[in-house]
N, C-alpha and C. Protein backbone atom coordinates (compact mmCIF):
# COMPACT_ATOMS: atom_id res chain seq x y z
N MET A 1 -9.87 11.71 37.86
CA MET A 1 -8.48 11.83 37.45
C MET A 1 -7.93 10.52 36.90
N ASP A 2 -8.52 9.42 37.35
CA ASP A 2 -8.06 8.13 36.85
C ASP A 2 -8.20 8.04 35.33
N ILE A 3 -9.25 8.63 34.79
CA ILE A 3 -9.46 8.56 33.35
C ILE A 3 -8.34 9.27 32.60
N LEU A 4 -7.85 10.39 33.12
CA LEU A 4 -6.73 11.08 32.47
C LEU A 4 -5.47 10.24 32.51
N ASN A 5 -5.21 9.58 33.63
CA ASN A 5 -4.06 8.69 33.72
C ASN A 5 -4.15 7.59 32.67
N ILE A 6 -5.32 7.01 32.54
CA ILE A 6 -5.52 5.94 31.55
C ILE A 6 -5.33 6.48 30.13
N ILE A 7 -5.83 7.68 29.88
CA ILE A 7 -5.65 8.30 28.55
C ILE A 7 -4.16 8.52 28.28
N PHE A 8 -3.42 9.02 29.25
CA PHE A 8 -1.99 9.24 29.06
C PHE A 8 -1.27 7.92 28.77
N ALA A 9 -1.64 6.87 29.48
CA ALA A 9 -1.01 5.57 29.27
C ALA A 9 -1.36 5.01 27.89
N ILE A 10 -2.62 5.12 27.50
CA ILE A 10 -3.04 4.62 26.18
C ILE A 10 -2.38 5.44 25.07
N LEU A 11 -2.25 6.74 25.27
CA LEU A 11 -1.54 7.59 24.31
C LEU A 11 -0.10 7.12 24.15
N SER A 12 0.55 6.80 25.27
CA SER A 12 1.92 6.29 25.23
C SER A 12 1.98 4.99 24.42
N ILE A 13 1.06 4.09 24.69
CA ILE A 13 1.03 2.81 23.99
C ILE A 13 0.76 3.03 22.50
N GLY A 14 -0.23 3.84 22.20
CA GLY A 14 -0.59 4.07 20.80
C GLY A 14 0.52 4.69 19.99
N LEU A 15 1.10 5.76 20.50
CA LEU A 15 2.20 6.40 19.77
C LEU A 15 3.42 5.49 19.72
N GLY A 16 3.66 4.76 20.80
CA GLY A 16 4.78 3.82 20.83
C GLY A 16 4.64 2.73 19.79
N CYS A 17 3.40 2.30 19.54
CA CYS A 17 3.18 1.25 18.54
C CYS A 17 3.63 1.69 17.15
N PHE A 18 3.46 2.98 16.85
CA PHE A 18 3.94 3.46 15.55
C PHE A 18 5.45 3.29 15.43
N GLY A 19 6.18 3.71 16.45
CA GLY A 19 7.63 3.59 16.40
C GLY A 19 8.09 2.14 16.39
N TRP A 20 7.41 1.32 17.16
CA TRP A 20 7.79 -0.08 17.29
C TRP A 20 7.44 -0.89 16.03
N LEU A 21 6.21 -0.74 15.56
CA LEU A 21 5.72 -1.60 14.48
C LEU A 21 5.78 -0.95 13.10
N ALA A 22 5.92 0.36 13.05
CA ALA A 22 6.01 1.07 11.77
C ALA A 22 7.17 2.07 11.83
N PRO A 23 8.40 1.57 12.01
CA PRO A 23 9.52 2.49 12.21
C PRO A 23 9.81 3.38 11.00
N ARG A 24 9.60 2.87 9.80
CA ARG A 24 9.87 3.71 8.62
C ARG A 24 8.86 4.86 8.55
N TYR A 25 7.61 4.59 8.86
CA TYR A 25 6.60 5.64 8.92
C TYR A 25 7.00 6.68 9.97
N THR A 26 7.40 6.19 11.14
CA THR A 26 7.80 7.08 12.24
C THR A 26 9.01 7.90 11.84
N MET A 27 9.97 7.26 11.18
CA MET A 27 11.16 8.00 10.74
C MET A 27 10.77 9.12 9.79
N GLY A 28 9.82 8.85 8.91
CA GLY A 28 9.35 9.89 7.99
C GLY A 28 8.65 11.02 8.74
N ALA A 29 7.82 10.66 9.72
CA ALA A 29 7.11 11.67 10.51
C ALA A 29 8.06 12.52 11.33
N LEU A 30 9.17 11.92 11.75
CA LEU A 30 10.15 12.64 12.56
C LEU A 30 11.27 13.25 11.72
N ASP A 31 11.16 13.14 10.41
CA ASP A 31 12.16 13.67 9.49
C ASP A 31 13.54 13.05 9.72
N LEU A 32 13.55 11.73 9.94
CA LEU A 32 14.79 10.99 10.12
C LEU A 32 15.10 10.20 8.86
N LYS A 33 16.38 10.00 8.61
CA LYS A 33 16.78 9.24 7.44
C LYS A 33 17.58 8.02 7.89
N GLY A 34 17.33 6.90 7.23
CA GLY A 34 18.08 5.69 7.51
C GLY A 34 19.47 5.77 6.89
N GLY A 35 20.35 4.95 7.38
CA GLY A 35 21.72 4.92 6.87
C GLY A 35 21.99 3.63 6.12
N ASP A 36 23.26 3.26 6.07
CA ASP A 36 23.67 2.05 5.38
C ASP A 36 23.35 0.78 6.16
N THR A 37 23.01 0.94 7.42
CA THR A 37 22.68 -0.22 8.26
C THR A 37 21.24 -0.07 8.74
N THR A 38 20.76 -1.06 9.44
CA THR A 38 19.40 -1.00 9.98
C THR A 38 19.39 -0.51 11.43
N MET A 39 20.49 0.03 11.91
CA MET A 39 20.55 0.51 13.30
C MET A 39 19.58 1.67 13.55
N GLY A 40 19.37 2.53 12.56
CA GLY A 40 18.42 3.62 12.73
C GLY A 40 17.01 3.10 12.96
N ILE A 41 16.62 2.12 12.17
CA ILE A 41 15.30 1.50 12.33
C ILE A 41 15.22 0.82 13.69
N SER A 42 16.28 0.14 14.07
CA SER A 42 16.32 -0.54 15.37
C SER A 42 16.17 0.46 16.51
N GLU A 43 16.83 1.59 16.39
CA GLU A 43 16.76 2.62 17.45
C GLU A 43 15.35 3.19 17.55
N VAL A 44 14.70 3.43 16.42
CA VAL A 44 13.34 3.96 16.44
C VAL A 44 12.40 2.93 17.06
N ARG A 45 12.55 1.65 16.68
CA ARG A 45 11.71 0.60 17.28
C ARG A 45 11.86 0.58 18.80
N ALA A 46 13.10 0.75 19.26
CA ALA A 46 13.38 0.67 20.69
C ALA A 46 13.01 1.95 21.43
N SER A 47 13.62 3.08 21.05
CA SER A 47 13.50 4.29 21.86
C SER A 47 12.25 5.12 21.56
N ALA A 48 11.75 5.09 20.34
CA ALA A 48 10.53 5.84 20.03
C ALA A 48 9.33 4.91 19.93
N GLY A 49 9.56 3.64 20.20
CA GLY A 49 8.50 2.67 20.05
C GLY A 49 8.22 1.86 21.29
N ALA A 50 8.89 0.72 21.38
CA ALA A 50 8.60 -0.24 22.44
C ALA A 50 8.83 0.35 23.84
N LEU A 51 9.74 1.29 23.98
CA LEU A 51 9.95 1.93 25.27
C LEU A 51 8.66 2.61 25.75
N PHE A 52 7.99 3.33 24.86
CA PHE A 52 6.75 4.01 25.22
C PHE A 52 5.62 3.01 25.43
N VAL A 53 5.61 1.93 24.65
CA VAL A 53 4.62 0.88 24.87
C VAL A 53 4.81 0.29 26.27
N GLY A 54 6.04 -0.03 26.61
CA GLY A 54 6.33 -0.58 27.93
C GLY A 54 5.96 0.36 29.06
N MET A 55 6.22 1.65 28.88
CA MET A 55 5.85 2.63 29.91
C MET A 55 4.35 2.65 30.12
N GLY A 56 3.60 2.68 29.03
CA GLY A 56 2.15 2.75 29.13
C GLY A 56 1.55 1.47 29.70
N VAL A 57 2.02 0.32 29.23
CA VAL A 57 1.53 -0.95 29.74
C VAL A 57 1.86 -1.09 31.22
N GLY A 58 3.08 -0.72 31.59
CA GLY A 58 3.49 -0.80 32.99
C GLY A 58 2.64 0.07 33.89
N ALA A 59 2.35 1.28 33.44
CA ALA A 59 1.51 2.18 34.24
C ALA A 59 0.10 1.62 34.41
N LEU A 60 -0.46 1.10 33.31
CA LEU A 60 -1.79 0.50 33.40
C LEU A 60 -1.79 -0.74 34.29
N TRP A 61 -0.77 -1.56 34.14
CA TRP A 61 -0.68 -2.80 34.90
C TRP A 61 -0.60 -2.53 36.40
N LEU A 62 0.31 -1.61 36.76
CA LEU A 62 0.49 -1.29 38.18
C LEU A 62 -0.68 -0.46 38.71
N GLY A 63 -1.13 0.49 37.90
CA GLY A 63 -2.29 1.29 38.25
C GLY A 63 -2.13 2.17 39.48
N THR A 64 -0.90 2.46 39.86
CA THR A 64 -0.66 3.29 41.04
C THR A 64 -0.32 4.72 40.63
N SER A 65 -0.48 5.63 41.56
CA SER A 65 -0.09 7.01 41.30
C SER A 65 1.39 7.11 40.96
N GLU A 66 2.20 6.29 41.61
CA GLU A 66 3.64 6.31 41.35
C GLU A 66 3.96 5.87 39.92
N ALA A 67 3.23 4.87 39.44
CA ALA A 67 3.46 4.40 38.07
C ALA A 67 3.10 5.49 37.06
N TYR A 68 1.97 6.14 37.27
CA TYR A 68 1.56 7.22 36.36
C TYR A 68 2.47 8.44 36.51
N LEU A 69 2.97 8.67 37.71
CA LEU A 69 3.93 9.75 37.93
C LEU A 69 5.20 9.50 37.13
N LEU A 70 5.70 8.28 37.18
CA LEU A 70 6.90 7.93 36.41
C LEU A 70 6.64 8.10 34.92
N LEU A 71 5.46 7.72 34.45
CA LEU A 71 5.10 7.94 33.06
C LEU A 71 5.20 9.42 32.73
N GLY A 72 4.72 10.26 33.63
CA GLY A 72 4.81 11.71 33.42
C GLY A 72 6.24 12.20 33.38
N PHE A 73 7.09 11.68 34.27
CA PHE A 73 8.50 12.08 34.27
C PHE A 73 9.18 11.68 32.95
N CYS A 74 8.82 10.53 32.41
CA CYS A 74 9.40 10.10 31.14
C CYS A 74 9.01 11.04 30.01
N TRP A 75 7.71 11.37 29.93
CA TRP A 75 7.26 12.30 28.90
C TRP A 75 7.86 13.70 29.11
N ALA A 76 7.96 14.12 30.36
CA ALA A 76 8.58 15.43 30.64
C ALA A 76 10.05 15.42 30.23
N GLY A 77 10.72 14.31 30.48
CA GLY A 77 12.12 14.19 30.04
C GLY A 77 12.24 14.32 28.53
N ALA A 78 11.32 13.69 27.81
CA ALA A 78 11.32 13.82 26.35
C ALA A 78 11.10 15.27 25.94
N SER A 79 10.22 15.98 26.65
CA SER A 79 9.97 17.38 26.31
C SER A 79 11.20 18.25 26.57
N ILE A 80 11.94 17.93 27.60
CA ILE A 80 13.18 18.67 27.89
C ILE A 80 14.20 18.44 26.77
N GLY A 81 14.31 17.20 26.32
CA GLY A 81 15.19 16.91 25.20
C GLY A 81 14.77 17.65 23.95
N ARG A 82 13.47 17.69 23.71
CA ARG A 82 12.96 18.39 22.53
C ARG A 82 13.22 19.89 22.64
N LEU A 83 12.98 20.47 23.83
CA LEU A 83 13.23 21.90 24.02
C LEU A 83 14.72 22.22 23.86
N THR A 84 15.56 21.34 24.33
CA THR A 84 17.01 21.51 24.13
C THR A 84 17.32 21.59 22.64
N SER A 85 16.70 20.73 21.85
CA SER A 85 16.92 20.75 20.41
C SER A 85 16.42 22.05 19.79
N VAL A 86 15.29 22.55 20.26
CA VAL A 86 14.78 23.82 19.76
C VAL A 86 15.80 24.93 20.01
N ILE A 87 16.37 24.94 21.20
CA ILE A 87 17.31 26.00 21.57
C ILE A 87 18.66 25.84 20.88
N VAL A 88 19.19 24.63 20.90
CA VAL A 88 20.55 24.39 20.40
C VAL A 88 20.59 24.17 18.89
N ASP A 89 19.62 23.43 18.36
CA ASP A 89 19.66 23.01 16.95
C ASP A 89 18.80 23.88 16.05
N GLY A 90 17.93 24.68 16.63
CA GLY A 90 17.05 25.53 15.83
C GLY A 90 15.60 25.11 15.94
N ALA A 91 14.74 26.08 15.94
CA ALA A 91 13.31 25.84 16.11
C ALA A 91 12.64 25.55 14.77
N THR A 92 11.71 24.62 14.81
CA THR A 92 10.82 24.37 13.67
C THR A 92 9.41 24.18 14.24
N ARG A 93 8.45 24.32 13.38
CA ARG A 93 7.06 24.12 13.82
C ARG A 93 6.85 22.69 14.31
N GLN A 94 7.45 21.74 13.61
CA GLN A 94 7.33 20.33 13.98
C GLN A 94 7.90 20.07 15.38
N LYS A 95 9.06 20.63 15.66
CA LYS A 95 9.66 20.46 17.00
C LYS A 95 8.76 21.05 18.08
N TRP A 96 8.22 22.24 17.82
CA TRP A 96 7.34 22.87 18.81
C TRP A 96 6.08 22.04 19.03
N THR A 97 5.54 21.46 17.97
CA THR A 97 4.34 20.62 18.10
C THR A 97 4.63 19.40 18.96
N TYR A 98 5.71 18.70 18.66
CA TYR A 98 6.06 17.52 19.45
C TYR A 98 6.38 17.91 20.89
N PHE A 99 7.07 19.03 21.07
CA PHE A 99 7.36 19.51 22.42
C PHE A 99 6.06 19.74 23.19
N ALA A 100 5.08 20.37 22.54
CA ALA A 100 3.82 20.68 23.22
C ALA A 100 3.11 19.40 23.68
N VAL A 101 3.06 18.40 22.82
CA VAL A 101 2.42 17.13 23.19
C VAL A 101 3.16 16.49 24.36
N GLU A 102 4.48 16.41 24.24
CA GLU A 102 5.29 15.79 25.30
C GLU A 102 5.14 16.54 26.62
N ALA A 103 5.16 17.86 26.56
CA ALA A 103 5.05 18.66 27.79
C ALA A 103 3.66 18.53 28.42
N VAL A 104 2.62 18.55 27.62
CA VAL A 104 1.26 18.43 28.16
C VAL A 104 1.07 17.08 28.84
N VAL A 105 1.47 16.01 28.18
CA VAL A 105 1.33 14.67 28.78
C VAL A 105 2.21 14.57 30.03
N GLY A 106 3.46 15.00 29.91
CA GLY A 106 4.38 14.90 31.04
C GLY A 106 3.94 15.71 32.25
N ILE A 107 3.70 16.98 32.03
CA ILE A 107 3.30 17.84 33.15
C ILE A 107 1.93 17.42 33.67
N GLY A 108 1.04 17.06 32.75
CA GLY A 108 -0.29 16.61 33.19
C GLY A 108 -0.22 15.41 34.11
N ALA A 109 0.54 14.40 33.72
CA ALA A 109 0.66 13.20 34.54
C ALA A 109 1.37 13.50 35.86
N ILE A 110 2.34 14.37 35.83
CA ILE A 110 3.05 14.73 37.08
C ILE A 110 2.10 15.45 38.03
N VAL A 111 1.41 16.47 37.53
CA VAL A 111 0.51 17.25 38.38
C VAL A 111 -0.61 16.37 38.95
N LEU A 112 -1.15 15.48 38.14
CA LEU A 112 -2.22 14.60 38.61
C LEU A 112 -1.79 13.64 39.72
N ASN A 113 -0.52 13.26 39.69
CA ASN A 113 -0.08 12.16 40.55
C ASN A 113 0.95 12.54 41.61
N LEU A 114 1.41 13.77 41.61
CA LEU A 114 2.40 14.18 42.60
C LEU A 114 1.71 14.51 43.91
N GLY A 115 2.25 13.96 44.97
CA GLY A 115 1.71 14.29 46.27
C GLY A 115 0.81 13.28 46.75
């Protein structure tokens, strides 16, 4: 089970690096548009990028079930936000795909480490 925890953490770091270091690419992948300021890019670097890098690095660094559990709760929280968007804002294939990834990582990490 440790290998799955490590995979989830590395996935967090890898996907987070896109948001952090390639925010314009990430904005395109997420169908986001920049505005008159750079705040949109800044938000993507922070919330879709470095936050996930920090979560993954922290889980690997601590290496405890609790750390990986928290990683799972974070991904599960993202999936809840995504599902809310599907229900309230309308469903798209892209939203369902991202929801599926977030839910699998989140629920997987929770199930592996709860208890």
